[in-house]
C-alpha atoms as a PDB file:
ATOM      1  CA  MET A   1      95.256  61.291  49.979  1.00  0.00           C
ATOM      2  CA  LYS A   2      93.370  62.511  46.902  1.00  0.00           C
ATOM      3  CA  ARG A   3      94.710  59.462  45.218  1.00  0.00           C
ATOM      4  CA  PHE A   4      92.593  57.270  47.635  1.00  0.00           C
ATOM      5  CA  ILE A   5      89.445  59.458  47.741  1.00  0.00           C
ATOM      6  CA  VAL A   6      88.725  59.453  44.017  1.00  0.00           C
ATOM      7  CA  PRO A   7      88.747  55.705  43.624  1.00  0.00           C
ATOM      8  CA  LEU A   8      86.672  55.389  46.774  1.00  0.00           C
ATOM      9  CA  LEU A   9      83.975  57.757  45.460  1.00  0.00           C
ATOM     10  CA  THR A  10      84.021  55.964  42.185  1.00  0.00           C
ATOM     11  CA  ALA A  11      83.414  52.658  43.913  1.00  0.00           C
ATOM     12  CA  VAL A  12      80.531  54.138  45.974  1.00  0.00           C
ATOM     13  CA  MET A  13      78.875  55.490  42.854  1.00  0.00           C
ATOM     14  CA  VAL A  14      79.175  52.184  41.054  1.00  0.00           C
ATOM     15  CA  VAL A  15      77.613  50.297  43.971  1.00  0.00           C
ATOM     16  CA  SER A  16      74.846  52.876  44.181  1.00  0.00           C
ATOM     17  CA  MET A  17      74.149  52.593  40.506  1.00  0.00           C
ATOM     18  CA  ILE A  18      73.964  48.792  40.745  1.00  0.00           C
ATOM     19  CA  PHE A  19      71.363  48.926  43.526  1.00  0.00           C
ATOM     20  CA  THR A  20      69.303  51.610  41.848  1.00  0.00           C
ATOM     21  CA  GLY A  21      69.397  49.917  38.461  1.00  0.00           C
ATOM     22  CA  CYS A  22      71.377  52.717  36.847  1.00  0.00           C
ATOM     23  CA  VAL A  23      74.248  50.632  35.796  1.00  0.00           C
ATOM     24  CA  PRO A  24      74.754  51.314  32.128  1.00  0.00           C
ATOM     25  CA  GLY A  25      73.591  48.334  30.074  1.00  0.00           C
ATOM     26  CA  ALA A  26      71.813  46.593  32.991  1.00  0.00           C
ATOM     27  CA  ALA A  27      68.079  45.635  32.711  1.00  0.00           C
ATOM     28  CA  PRO A  28      65.728  47.571  35.029  1.00  0.00           C
ATOM     29  CA  VAL A  29      64.641  45.646  38.073  1.00  0.00           C
ATOM     30  CA  THR A  30      60.793  45.428  38.277  1.00  0.00           C
ATOM     31  CA  PRO A  31      59.375  44.636  41.680  1.00  0.00           C
ATOM     32  CA  PRO A  32      57.089  41.572  41.690  1.00  0.00           C
ATOM     33  CA  VAL A  33      53.384  42.353  41.187  1.00  0.00           C
ATOM     34  CA  THR A  34      50.895  40.421  43.325  1.00  0.00           C
ATOM     35  CA  PRO A  35      47.850  39.641  41.180  1.00  0.00           C
ATOM     36  CA  PRO A  36      44.484  40.715  42.687  1.00  0.00           C
ATOM     37  CA  VAL A  37      42.530  37.979  44.497  1.00  0.00           C
ATOM     38  CA  THR A  38      39.354  37.235  42.553  1.00  0.00           C
ATOM     39  CA  PRO A  39      36.572  35.763  44.698  1.00  0.00           C
ATOM     40  CA  PRO A  40      35.149  32.493  43.391  1.00  0.00           C
ATOM     41  CA  VAL A  41      32.155  32.926  41.132  1.00  0.00           C
ATOM     42  CA  THR A  42      29.063  31.113  42.474  1.00  0.00           C
ATOM     43  CA  PRO A  43      26.706  30.168  39.684  1.00  0.00           C
ATOM     44  CA  PRO A  44      23.128  31.398  40.212  1.00  0.00           C
ATOM     45  CA  VAL A  45      20.855  28.873  41.935  1.00  0.00           C
ATOM     46  CA  THR A  46      17.642  28.177  40.061  1.00  0.00           C
ATOM     47  CA  PRO A  47      14.815  27.520  42.517  1.00  0.00           C
ATOM     48  CA  PRO A  48      13.026  24.227  41.975  1.00  0.00           C
ATOM     49  CA  VAL A  49       9.805  24.474  40.044  1.00  0.00           C
ATOM     50  CA  THR A  50       6.895  23.496  42.318  1.00  0.00           C
ATOM     51  CA  PRO A  51       4.050  21.971  40.361  1.00  0.00           C
ATOM     52  CA  PRO A  52       0.667  23.520  41.050  1.00  0.00           C
ATOM     53  CA  VAL A  53      -1.268  21.830  43.861  1.00  0.00           C
ATOM     54  CA  VAL A  54      -4.320  20.101  42.468  1.00  0.00           C
ATOM     55  CA  GLU A  55      -6.914  19.518  45.162  1.00  0.00           C
ATOM     56  CA  GLU A  56      -8.317  16.036  45.131  1.00  0.00           C
ATOM     57  CA  GLU A  57     -12.019  16.005  44.389  1.00  0.00           C
ATOM     58  CA  ARG A  58     -14.021  15.162  47.502  1.00  0.00           C
ATOM     59  CA  PRO A  59     -16.674  12.463  47.400  1.00  0.00           C
ATOM     60  CA  VAL A  60     -20.292  13.612  47.588  1.00  0.00           C
ATOM     61  CA  PHE A  61     -22.795  11.774  49.786  1.00  0.00           C
ATOM     62  CA  ALA A  62     -26.545  12.488  49.637  1.00  0.00           C
ATOM     63  CA  TYR A  63     -28.866  12.052  52.616  1.00  0.00           C
ATOM     64  CA  ILE A  64     -32.538  12.001  51.619  1.00  0.00           C
ATOM     65  CA  LEU A  65     -35.185  11.759  54.310  1.00  0.00           C
ATOM     66  CA  PHE A  66     -38.917  11.412  54.123  1.00  0.00           C
ATOM     67  CA  GLY A  67     -39.788  14.060  56.716  1.00  0.00           C
ATOM     68  CA  ASN A  68     -38.044  17.364  57.443  1.00  0.00           C
ATOM     69  CA  LEU A  69     -35.423  18.759  59.784  1.00  0.00           C
ATOM     70  CA  SER A  70     -37.898  20.511  62.082  1.00  0.00           C
ATOM     71  CA  HIS A  71     -38.460  17.106  63.687  1.00  0.00           C
ATOM     72  CA  PRO A  72     -35.839  16.715  66.467  1.00  0.00           C
ATOM     73  CA  PHE A  73     -35.352  12.989  65.799  1.00  0.00           C
ATOM     74  CA  LEU A  74     -34.733  13.532  62.087  1.00  0.00           C
ATOM     75  CA  ALA A  75     -32.520  16.547  62.738  1.00  0.00           C
ATOM     76  CA  GLU A  76     -30.294  14.468  65.031  1.00  0.00           C
ATOM     77  CA  THR A  77     -29.837  11.786  62.365  1.00  0.00           C
ATOM     78  CA  ALA A  78     -28.706  14.555  59.996  1.00  0.00           C
ATOM     79  CA  GLU A  79     -26.246  15.843  62.607  1.00  0.00           C
ATOM     80  CA  GLY A  80     -24.732  12.380  62.847  1.00  0.00           C
ATOM     81  CA  PHE A  81     -24.452  12.111  59.077  1.00  0.00           C
ATOM     82  CA  GLU A  82     -22.807  15.520  58.744  1.00  0.00           C
ATOM     83  CA  ALA A  83     -20.374  14.811  61.589  1.00  0.00           C
ATOM     84  CA  ALA A  84     -19.132  11.615  59.946  1.00  0.00           C
ATOM     85  CA  CYS A  85     -18.870  13.251  56.515  1.00  0.00           C
ATOM     86  CA  ASP A  86     -16.839  16.091  58.008  1.00  0.00           C
ATOM     87  CA  LEU A  87     -14.578  13.610  59.765  1.00  0.00           C
ATOM     88  CA  PHE A  88     -13.918  11.697  56.539  1.00  0.00           C
ATOM     89  CA  GLY A  89     -13.540  14.748  54.276  1.00  0.00           C
ATOM     90  CA  VAL A  90     -16.744  14.126  52.362  1.00  0.00           C
ATOM     91  CA  ASP A  91     -19.182  16.704  51.010  1.00  0.00           C
ATOM     92  CA  CYS A  92     -22.762  15.956  52.018  1.00  0.00           C
ATOM     93  CA  VAL A  93     -26.056  17.146  50.574  1.00  0.00           C
ATOM     94  CA  ILE A  94     -29.225  16.769  52.642  1.00  0.00           C
ATOM     95  CA  SER A  95     -32.665  16.798  51.005  1.00  0.00           C
ATOM     96  CA  VAL A  96     -36.093  16.503  52.622  1.00  0.00           C
ATOM     97  CA  ALA A  97     -39.260  15.125  51.049  1.00  0.00           C
ATOM     98  CA  GLU A  98     -41.640  16.891  53.465  1.00  0.00           C
ATOM     99  CA  TYR A  99     -43.634  13.661  54.030  1.00  0.00           C
ATOM    100  CA  ASP A 100     -44.354  13.302  50.303  1.00  0.00           C
ATOM    101  CA  GLU A 101     -43.619   9.792  49.016  1.00  0.00           C
ATOM    102  CA  THR A 102     -43.532  10.863  45.362  1.00  0.00           C
ATOM    103  CA  LYS A 103     -41.069  13.629  46.183  1.00  0.00           C
ATOM    104  CA  MET A 104     -38.963  11.114  48.104  1.00  0.00           C
ATOM    105  CA  ILE A 105     -38.632   8.950  45.000  1.00  0.00           C
ATOM    106  CA  ASP A 106     -37.876  11.988  42.826  1.00  0.00           C
ATOM    107  CA  LEU A 107     -35.109  13.155  45.176  1.00  0.00           C
ATOM    108  CA  VAL A 108     -33.420   9.748  45.113  1.00  0.00           C
ATOM    109  CA  ASP A 109     -33.664   9.640  41.310  1.00  0.00           C
ATOM    110  CA  ALA A 110     -32.169  13.146  41.108  1.00  0.00           C
ATOM    111  CA  ALA A 111     -29.213  12.100  43.257  1.00  0.00           C
ATOM    112  CA  VAL A 112     -28.642   9.097  40.998  1.00  0.00           C
ATOM    113  CA  ALA A 113     -28.755  11.337  37.917  1.00  0.00           C
ATOM    114  CA  GLN A 114     -26.191  13.681  39.501  1.00  0.00           C
ATOM    115  CA  ASP A 115     -23.769  10.757  39.968  1.00  0.00           C
ATOM    116  CA  VAL A 116     -23.222  11.302  43.668  1.00  0.00           C
ATOM    117  CA  ASP A 117     -20.871   8.793  45.238  1.00  0.00           C
ATOM    118  CA  ALA A 118     -23.300   7.416  47.795  1.00  0.00           C
ATOM    119  CA  ILE A 119     -26.897   7.756  48.997  1.00  0.00           C
ATOM    120  CA  PHE A 120     -28.423   7.367  52.462  1.00  0.00           C
ATOM    121  CA  THR A 121     -32.219   7.247  52.715  1.00  0.00           C
ATOM    122  CA  PHE A 122     -34.548   7.411  55.694  1.00  0.00           C
ATOM    123  CA  SER A 123     -38.136   6.500  54.888  1.00  0.00           C
ATOM    124  CA  TRP A 124     -40.751   4.687  56.935  1.00  0.00           C
ATOM    125  CA  GLN A 125     -43.156   4.307  54.016  1.00  0.00           C
ATOM    126  CA  ASP A 126     -43.629   1.302  51.718  1.00  0.00           C
ATOM    127  CA  PRO A 127     -40.067  -0.017  51.399  1.00  0.00           C
ATOM    128  CA  HIS A 128     -40.737  -1.378  47.918  1.00  0.00           C
ATOM    129  CA  SER A 129     -41.459   2.128  46.602  1.00  0.00           C
ATOM    130  CA  LEU A 130     -37.735   2.938  46.475  1.00  0.00           C
ATOM    131  CA  THR A 131     -36.671  -0.373  44.900  1.00  0.00           C
ATOM    132  CA  PRO A 132     -36.455   0.917  41.274  1.00  0.00           C
ATOM    133  CA  SER A 133     -34.465   3.968  42.419  1.00  0.00           C
ATOM    134  CA  PHE A 134     -32.091   1.852  44.480  1.00  0.00           C
ATOM    135  CA  GLN A 135     -31.550  -0.498  41.549  1.00  0.00           C
ATOM    136  CA  ARG A 136     -30.703   2.400  39.236  1.00  0.00           C
ATOM    137  CA  ALA A 137     -28.167   3.613  41.801  1.00  0.00           C
ATOM    138  CA  LEU A 138     -26.556   0.189  42.147  1.00  0.00           C
ATOM    139  CA  ASP A 139     -26.403  -0.211  38.364  1.00  0.00           C
ATOM    140  CA  LYS A 140     -24.342   2.997  38.213  1.00  0.00           C
ATOM    141  CA  GLY A 141     -22.024   1.872  40.985  1.00  0.00           C
ATOM    142  CA  ILE A 142     -23.543   4.236  43.571  1.00  0.00           C
ATOM    143  CA  ASN A 143     -23.559   2.827  47.090  1.00  0.00           C
ATOM    144  CA  VAL A 144     -26.825   2.939  49.050  1.00  0.00           C
ATOM    145  CA  VAL A 145     -27.612   2.588  52.762  1.00  0.00           C
ATOM    146  CA  HIS A 146     -31.175   2.688  54.080  1.00  0.00           C
ATOM    147  CA  MET A 147     -32.791   3.074  57.491  1.00  0.00           C
ATOM    148  CA  SER A 148     -36.207   2.697  59.107  1.00  0.00           C
ATOM    149  CA  SER A 149     -38.231   0.184  57.082  1.00  0.00           C
ATOM    150  CA  HIS A 150     -36.046  -2.688  55.888  1.00  0.00           C
ATOM    151  CA  ASN A 151     -36.243  -3.192  52.109  1.00  0.00           C
ATOM    152  CA  PRO A 152     -36.638  -6.941  51.515  1.00  0.00           C
ATOM    153  CA  ASP A 153     -35.829  -6.582  47.811  1.00  0.00           C
ATOM    154  CA  PHE A 154     -32.092  -6.271  48.548  1.00  0.00           C
ATOM    155  CA  THR A 155     -29.640  -8.237  50.637  1.00  0.00           C
ATOM    156  CA  ALA A 156     -27.605  -6.669  53.413  1.00  0.00           C
ATOM    157  CA  THR A 157     -24.542  -6.730  51.173  1.00  0.00           C
ATOM    158  CA  GLN A 158     -26.373  -4.849  48.405  1.00  0.00           C
ATOM    159  CA  VAL A 159     -28.131  -2.213  50.503  1.00  0.00           C
ATOM    160  CA  PRO A 160     -27.053  -2.247  54.167  1.00  0.00           C
ATOM    161  CA  PHE A 161     -29.763  -1.411  56.676  1.00  0.00           C
ATOM    162  CA  VAL A 162     -29.161   0.793  59.720  1.00  0.00           C
ATOM    163  CA  GLY A 163     -31.448   0.039  62.627  1.00  0.00           C
ATOM    164  CA  PHE A 164     -33.198  -2.990  64.056  1.00  0.00           C
ATOM    165  CA  ASN A 165     -36.233  -5.131  63.506  1.00  0.00           C
ATOM    166  CA  VAL A 166     -39.081  -2.781  64.397  1.00  0.00           C
ATOM    167  CA  TYR A 167     -41.412  -5.660  65.256  1.00  0.00           C
ATOM    168  CA  ASP A 168     -38.837  -6.764  67.830  1.00  0.00           C
ATOM    169  CA  GLN A 169     -38.701  -3.225  69.186  1.00  0.00           C
ATOM    170  CA  GLY A 170     -42.468  -3.256  69.636  1.00  0.00           C
ATOM    171  CA  TYR A 171     -42.222  -6.641  71.312  1.00  0.00           C
ATOM    172  CA  THR A 172     -39.572  -5.299  73.694  1.00  0.00           C
ATOM    173  CA  LEU A 173     -41.877  -2.441  74.690  1.00  0.00           C
ATOM    174  CA  GLY A 174     -44.819  -4.802  75.147  1.00  0.00           C
ATOM    175  CA  THR A 175     -42.777  -7.190  77.286  1.00  0.00           C
ATOM    176  CA  ASP A 176     -41.842  -4.297  79.553  1.00  0.00           C
ATOM    177  CA  TRP A 177     -45.463  -3.273  79.908  1.00  0.00           C
ATOM    178  CA  VAL A 178     -46.537  -6.801  80.874  1.00  0.00           C
ATOM    179  CA  TRP A 179     -44.841  -6.527  84.250  1.00  0.00           C
ATOM    180  CA  ARG A 180     -45.972  -2.937  84.719  1.00  0.00           C
ATOM    181  CA  LEU A 181     -49.608  -3.930  84.220  1.00  0.00           C
ATOM    182  CA  GLU A 182     -49.186  -7.036  86.375  1.00  0.00           C
ATOM    183  CA  ALA A 183     -47.794  -4.878  89.167  1.00  0.00           C
ATOM    184  CA  GLU A 184     -51.076  -2.945  89.155  1.00  0.00           C
ATOM    185  CA  GLY A 185     -53.261  -6.005  88.830  1.00  0.00           C
ATOM    186  CA  ARG A 186     -54.416  -4.950  85.357  1.00  0.00           C
ATOM    187  CA  VAL A 187     -54.189  -8.238  83.497  1.00  0.00           C
ATOM    188  CA  THR A 188     -57.709  -8.641  82.126  1.00  0.00           C
ATOM    189  CA  ASP A 189     -60.000  -6.376  80.159  1.00  0.00           C
ATOM    190  CA  VAL A 190     -57.227  -3.889  79.458  1.00  0.00           C
ATOM    191  CA  ASN A 191     -58.445  -1.273  76.978  1.00  0.00           C
ATOM    192  CA  ILE A 192     -55.772   0.108  74.653  1.00  0.00           C
ATOM    193  CA  GLY A 193     -55.880   2.927  72.128  1.00  0.00           C
ATOM    194  CA  THR A 194     -53.170   2.841  69.428  1.00  0.00           C
ATOM    195  CA  PHE A 195     -52.179   5.913  67.427  1.00  0.00           C
ATOM    196  CA  LEU A 196     -50.088   6.111  64.265  1.00  0.00           C
ATOM    197  CA  THR A 197     -48.886   8.871  62.000  1.00  0.00           C
ATOM    198  CA  LYS A 198     -50.016   6.905  58.957  1.00  0.00           C
ATOM    199  CA  THR A 199     -51.935   3.624  58.935  1.00  0.00           C
ATOM    200  CA  ASP A 200     -50.037   2.383  55.858  1.00  0.00           C
ATOM    201  CA  SER A 201     -46.598   2.810  57.426  1.00  0.00           C
ATOM    202  CA  PRO A 202     -44.942  -0.628  57.728  1.00  0.00           C
ATOM    203  CA  LEU A 203     -42.685   0.631  60.505  1.00  0.00           C
ATOM    204  CA  GLU A 204     -45.566   1.814  62.668  1.00  0.00           C
ATOM    205  CA  LEU A 205     -47.752  -1.199  61.963  1.00  0.00           C
ATOM    206  CA  ASP A 206     -44.929  -3.602  62.807  1.00  0.00           C
ATOM    207  CA  ARG A 207     -44.195  -1.784  66.052  1.00  0.00           C
ATOM    208  CA  ARG A 208     -47.877  -1.938  66.992  1.00  0.00           C
ATOM    209  CA  GLN A 209     -48.147  -5.639  66.213  1.00  0.00           C
ATOM    210  CA  GLY A 210     -45.003  -6.474  68.175  1.00  0.00           C
ATOM    211  CA  PHE A 211     -46.328  -4.560  71.185  1.00  0.00           C
ATOM    212  CA  LEU A 212     -49.708  -6.291  71.156  1.00  0.00           C
ATOM    213  CA  ASP A 213     -48.209  -9.754  70.571  1.00  0.00           C
ATOM    214  CA  ALA A 214     -45.922  -9.315  73.586  1.00  0.00           C
ATOM    215  CA  LEU A 215     -48.899  -8.392  75.781  1.00  0.00           C
ATOM    216  CA  ALA A 216     -50.774 -11.476  74.624  1.00  0.00           C
ATOM    217  CA  ASP A 217     -47.754 -13.725  75.110  1.00  0.00           C
ATOM    218  CA  GLY A 218     -47.340 -12.280  78.595  1.00  0.00           C
ATOM    219  CA  GLY A 219     -50.888 -13.199  79.569  1.00  0.00           C
ATOM    220  CA  ILE A 220     -52.466  -9.737  79.319  1.00  0.00           C
ATOM    221  CA  GLU A 221     -56.057  -9.886  78.075  1.00  0.00           C
ATOM    222  CA  TYR A 222     -56.704  -6.691  76.155  1.00  0.00           C
ATOM    223  CA  THR A 223     -58.963  -4.983  73.693  1.00  0.00           C
ATOM    224  CA  SER A 224     -57.249  -2.646  71.238  1.00  0.00           C
ATOM    225  CA  SER A 225     -58.626   0.029  68.997  1.00  0.00           C
ATOM    226  CA  ASP A 226     -57.930  -0.182  65.314  1.00  0.00           C
ATOM    227  CA  PRO A 227     -54.774   1.669  64.234  1.00  0.00           C
ATOM    228  CA  THR A 228     -55.891   5.273  64.539  1.00  0.00           C
ATOM    229  CA  PRO A 229     -54.181   7.798  62.247  1.00  0.00           C
ATOM    230  CA  THR A 230     -53.176  11.157  63.672  1.00  0.00           C
ATOM    231  CA  ASP A 231     -52.020  14.353  62.046  1.00  0.00           C
ATOM    232  CA  PRO A 232     -48.247  14.805  61.565  1.00  0.00           C
ATOM    233  CA  THR A 233     -48.619  18.177  63.293  1.00  0.00           C
ATOM    234  CA  GLN A 234     -48.218  17.436  66.969  1.00  0.00           C
ATOM    235  CA  ALA A 235     -50.737  19.982  68.271  1.00  0.00           C
ATOM    236  CA  VAL A 236     -53.430  18.623  65.949  1.00  0.00           C
ATOM    237  CA  ALA A 237     -52.551  15.056  66.923  1.00  0.00           C
ATOM    238  CA  MET A 238     -52.914  15.986  70.603  1.00  0.00           C
ATOM    239  CA  ASP A 239     -56.442  17.289  69.999  1.00  0.00           C
ATOM    240  CA  GLN A 240     -57.346  14.105  68.117  1.00  0.00           C
ATOM    241  CA  ILE A 241     -56.126  11.925  70.998  1.00  0.00           C
ATOM    242  CA  LYS A 242     -57.919  14.082  73.567  1.00  0.00           C
ATOM    243  CA  ALA A 243     -61.145  13.592  71.624  1.00  0.00           C
ATOM    244  CA  TYR A 244     -60.579   9.832  71.576  1.00  0.00           C
ATOM    245  CA  LEU A 245     -60.014   9.703  75.346  1.00  0.00           C
ATOM    246  CA  LEU A 246     -63.133  11.738  76.047  1.00  0.00           C
ATOM    247  CA  ALA A 247     -65.134   9.399  73.808  1.00  0.00           C
ATOM    248  CA  HIS A 248     -63.574   6.268  75.376  1.00  0.00           C
ATOM    249  CA  PRO A 249     -63.359   6.795  79.154  1.00  0.00           C
ATOM    250  CA  GLU A 250     -62.731   3.062  79.621  1.00  0.00           C
ATOM    251  CA  THR A 251     -59.227   3.408  78.148  1.00  0.00           C
ATOM    252  CA  ASP A 252     -56.415   2.089  80.346  1.00  0.00           C
ATOM    253  CA  LEU A 253     -53.411   2.713  78.100  1.00  0.00           C
ATOM    254  CA  ILE A 254     -52.673   4.676  74.964  1.00  0.00           C
ATOM    255  CA  PHE A 255     -49.833   3.807  72.669  1.00  0.00           C
ATOM    256  CA  GLY A 256     -47.998   5.898  70.036  1.00  0.00           C
ATOM    257  CA  THR A 257     -46.094   4.105  67.284  1.00  0.00           C
ATOM    258  CA  GLY A 258     -43.780   7.009  66.453  1.00  0.00           C
ATOM    259  CA  GLY A 259     -42.309  10.164  67.895  1.00  0.00           C
ATOM    260  CA  THR A 260     -45.161  12.540  67.068  1.00  0.00           C
ATOM    261  CA  PRO A 261     -48.114  10.408  68.221  1.00  0.00           C
ATOM    262  CA  THR A 262     -46.206   9.344  71.348  1.00  0.00           C
ATOM    263  CA  ALA A 263     -45.522  12.947  72.347  1.00  0.00           C
ATOM    264  CA  ALA A 264     -49.138  13.857  71.545  1.00  0.00           C
ATOM    265  CA  CYS A 265     -50.345  11.030  73.826  1.00  0.00           C
ATOM    266  CA  PHE A 266     -48.405  12.470  76.759  1.00  0.00           C
ATOM    267  CA  GLN A 267     -49.672  15.962  75.988  1.00  0.00           C
ATOM    268  CA  ALA A 268     -53.263  14.732  75.799  1.00  0.00           C
ATOM    269  CA  VAL A 269     -53.351  13.074  79.245  1.00  0.00           C
ATOM    270  CA  GLU A 270     -51.686  16.097  80.818  1.00  0.00           C
ATOM    271  CA  ALA A 271     -54.056  18.514  79.058  1.00  0.00           C
ATOM    272  CA  LEU A 272     -57.025  16.523  80.401  1.00  0.00           C
ATOM    273  CA  ASP A 273     -55.559  16.758  83.935  1.00  0.00           C
ATOM    274  CA  PHE A 274     -55.260  12.995  84.296  1.00  0.00           C
ATOM    275  CA  ALA A 275     -53.069  11.819  87.137  1.00  0.00           C
ATOM    276  CA  PRO A 276     -50.241   9.384  86.332  1.00  0.00           C
ATOM    277  CA  GLY A 277     -51.816   5.953  86.062  1.00  0.00           C
ATOM    278  CA  ASP A 278     -55.323   7.131  85.161  1.00  0.00           C
ATOM    279  CA  VAL A 279     -54.370   6.376  81.573  1.00  0.00           C
ATOM    280  CA  TRP A 280     -50.880   5.043  80.968  1.00  0.00           C
ATOM    281  CA  VAL A 281     -48.797   6.086  77.952  1.00  0.00           C
ATOM    282  CA  ALA A 282     -46.391   3.899  75.972  1.00  0.00           C
ATOM    283  CA  GLY A 283     -44.487   4.671  72.801  1.00  0.00           C
ATOM    284  CA  PHE A 284     -41.233   5.381  71.000  1.00  0.00           C
ATOM    285  CA  ASP A 285     -38.837   8.106  69.899  1.00  0.00           C
ATOM    286  CA  LEU A 286     -39.002  10.517  72.803  1.00  0.00           C
ATOM    287  CA  LEU A 287     -39.532  14.086  71.675  1.00  0.00           C
ATOM    288  CA  PRO A 288     -39.212  16.860  74.297  1.00  0.00           C
ATOM    289  CA  GLU A 289     -42.897  16.715  75.277  1.00  0.00           C
ATOM    290  CA  ALA A 290     -42.669  12.956  75.752  1.00  0.00           C
ATOM    291  CA  VAL A 291     -39.609  13.375  77.969  1.00  0.00           C
ATOM    292  CA  VAL A 292     -41.613  15.764  80.159  1.00  0.00           C
ATOM    293  CA  GLY A 293     -44.424  13.210  80.427  1.00  0.00           C
ATOM    294  CA  VAL A 294     -42.073  10.355  81.268  1.00  0.00           C
ATOM    295  CA  ARG A 295     -40.358  12.458  83.925  1.00  0.00           C
ATOM    296  CA  ALA A 296     -43.786  13.213  85.444  1.00  0.00           C
ATOM    297  CA  GLY A 297     -44.499   9.478  85.695  1.00  0.00           C
ATOM    298  CA  TYR A 298     -47.176   9.126  83.004  1.00  0.00           C
ATOM    299  CA  GLY A 299     -45.584   6.172  81.254  1.00  0.00           C
ATOM    300  CA  ALA A 300     -42.583   4.361  79.792  1.00  0.00           C
ATOM    301  CA  CYS A 301     -41.183   4.256  76.272  1.00  0.00           C
ATOM    302  CA  ASN A 302     -38.551   2.531  74.193  1.00  0.00           C
ATOM    303  CA  GLN A 303     -35.890   4.866  72.830  1.00  0.00           C
ATOM    304  CA  ASP A 304     -33.312   4.129  70.152  1.00  0.00           C
ATOM    305  CA  GLU A 305     -29.982   5.931  69.867  1.00  0.00           C
ATOM    306  CA  VAL A 306     -30.559   8.576  67.213  1.00  0.00           C
ATOM    307  CA  PHE A 307     -27.201  10.192  66.415  1.00  0.00           C
ATOM    308  CA  PRO A 308     -25.594   6.871  65.355  1.00  0.00           C
ATOM    309  CA  TYR A 309     -28.153   6.387  62.574  1.00  0.00           C
ATOM    310  CA  GLY A 310     -26.582   9.097  60.462  1.00  0.00           C
ATOM    311  CA  PHE A 311     -23.036   8.586  61.716  1.00  0.00           C
ATOM    312  CA  LEU A 312     -22.984   4.841  61.057  1.00  0.00           C
ATOM    313  CA  ALA A 313     -24.646   5.264  57.669  1.00  0.00           C
ATOM    314  CA  ALA A 314     -22.003   7.752  56.495  1.00  0.00           C
ATOM    315  CA  THR A 315     -19.251   5.530  57.909  1.00  0.00           C
ATOM    316  CA  ALA A 316     -20.576   2.502  56.040  1.00  0.00           C
ATOM    317  CA  LEU A 317     -20.829   4.475  52.805  1.00  0.00           C
ATOM    318  CA  TYR A 318     -17.306   5.864  53.229  1.00  0.00           C
ATOM    319  CA  LEU A 319     -15.843   2.395  53.715  1.00  0.00           C
ATOM    320  CA  ARG A 320     -17.716   1.013  50.728  1.00  0.00           C
ATOM    321  CA  VAL A 321     -16.608   3.902  48.501  1.00  0.00           C
ATOM    322  CA  THR A 322     -12.961   4.049  49.572  1.00  0.00           C
ATOM    323  CA  HIS A 323     -12.247   0.408  50.373  1.00  0.00           C
ATOM    324  CA  PRO A 324     -14.097  -1.771  47.910  1.00  0.00           C
ATOM    325  CA  PRO A 325     -15.080  -4.560  47.987  1.00  0.00           C
ATOM    326  CA  LEU A 326     -15.985  -4.132  51.670  1.00  0.00           C
ATOM    327  CA  LEU A 327     -19.631  -5.138  52.035  1.00  0.00           C
ATOM    328  CA  ILE A 328     -20.302  -3.872  55.597  1.00  0.00           C
ATOM    329  CA  GLY A 329     -23.777  -5.428  55.969  1.00  0.00           C
ATOM    330  CA  ASP A 330     -26.545  -4.334  58.321  1.00  0.00           C
ATOM    331  CA  LEU A 331     -25.634  -2.036  61.223  1.00  0.00           C
ATOM    332  CA  PRO A 332     -27.466  -2.383  64.552  1.00  0.00           C
ATOM    333  CA  ILE A 333     -28.761   0.465  66.709  1.00  0.00           C
ATOM    334  CA  ALA A 334     -29.215   0.040  70.455  1.00  0.00           C
ATOM    335  CA  THR A 335     -32.515   0.711  72.226  1.00  0.00           C
ATOM    336  CA  VAL A 336     -33.383   1.172  75.888  1.00  0.00           C
ATOM    337  CA  MET A 337     -36.513   1.344  78.023  1.00  0.00           C
ATOM    338  CA  ILE A 338     -36.966   4.730  79.674  1.00  0.00           C
ATOM    339  CA  ASP A 339     -39.267   5.650  82.560  1.00  0.00           C
ATOM    340  CA  LYS A 340     -39.137   8.162  85.395  1.00  0.00           C
ATOM    341  CA  THR A 341     -36.432   6.162  87.189  1.00  0.00           C
ATOM    342  CA  ASN A 342     -33.795   6.605  84.482  1.00  0.00           C
ATOM    343  CA  VAL A 343     -35.022   9.402  82.220  1.00  0.00           C
ATOM    344  CA  ASP A 344     -32.466  11.867  83.590  1.00  0.00           C
ATOM    345  CA  VAL A 345     -29.649   9.524  82.632  1.00  0.00           C
ATOM    346  CA  TYR A 346     -30.579   9.751  78.947  1.00  0.00           C
ATOM    347  CA  PHE A 347     -32.223  13.179  78.930  1.00  0.00           C
ATOM    348  CA  PRO A 348     -30.522  15.263  81.630  1.00  0.00           C
ATOM    349  CA  GLU A 349     -32.270  18.515  82.463  1.00  0.00           C
END
């Protein structure tokens, strides 16, 4: 039995030594090593370099007007100009000459010297007075648009005009008054007083002449006063017109050639306690006091659309500056007769 046990133990030991690597002369068995998993290396991302934003320089438009912005008509033209400039991304500079013709010329020359991109002018004085300034602007490539008194020294493609023929506007008003006077049987010996802001204003003189020519063409026999100047201050103008009416009780109709004298005419007849029709009032450019008089039945006036003056002028300048060689040409403004029957349509209370 011992003879079988010893060999058996020996065999067990040998097998054990083989599996444990203890067999003499055998190489040690090394278990396989799993290498560590290295995550992929993502190279750093360099953000794109954004170039600095350079704001594009905005065009500069100058609006230069003969009067000042305390006048509602002039203020509304400026509102139209500013609205269009804002819409088109244009900077605008508004300057007022305070009814000084020399200052008006100086302001236009200053705008030319500052190299603005475009100039809009509103002056009812001698249109030729701005001709040298306009020419200097055109020579520098500065676009110009003008309103009120048409400048005959330039074509519509050189200096577009915003407005209408003021003689025609006067004629329209006179034609309307022909049938009003006929309706009352006043067709002969009609006495008319005409009032202007300045007697050397081409705009006012042309309006007056158109009005009187229409009356004559319509068969109205009239006698008119000479063009009578009134103060640009409305209250003073009203007193001047009151004095005229008291000195001329034969007057049938008084006529203002601009906003201030027209409003002063209405104020004068109301201040003298005239009833509607005692002395009729005709005129243009309805200021608030004129609207009150029209609503009360004292007369009828021709009114032009005011806001589009500035808006259309800025639009024309923008197109000429940004889309050359667009010429644009003259731009019309609509007018309408207003009396007590339709005043609330155009001037709602």
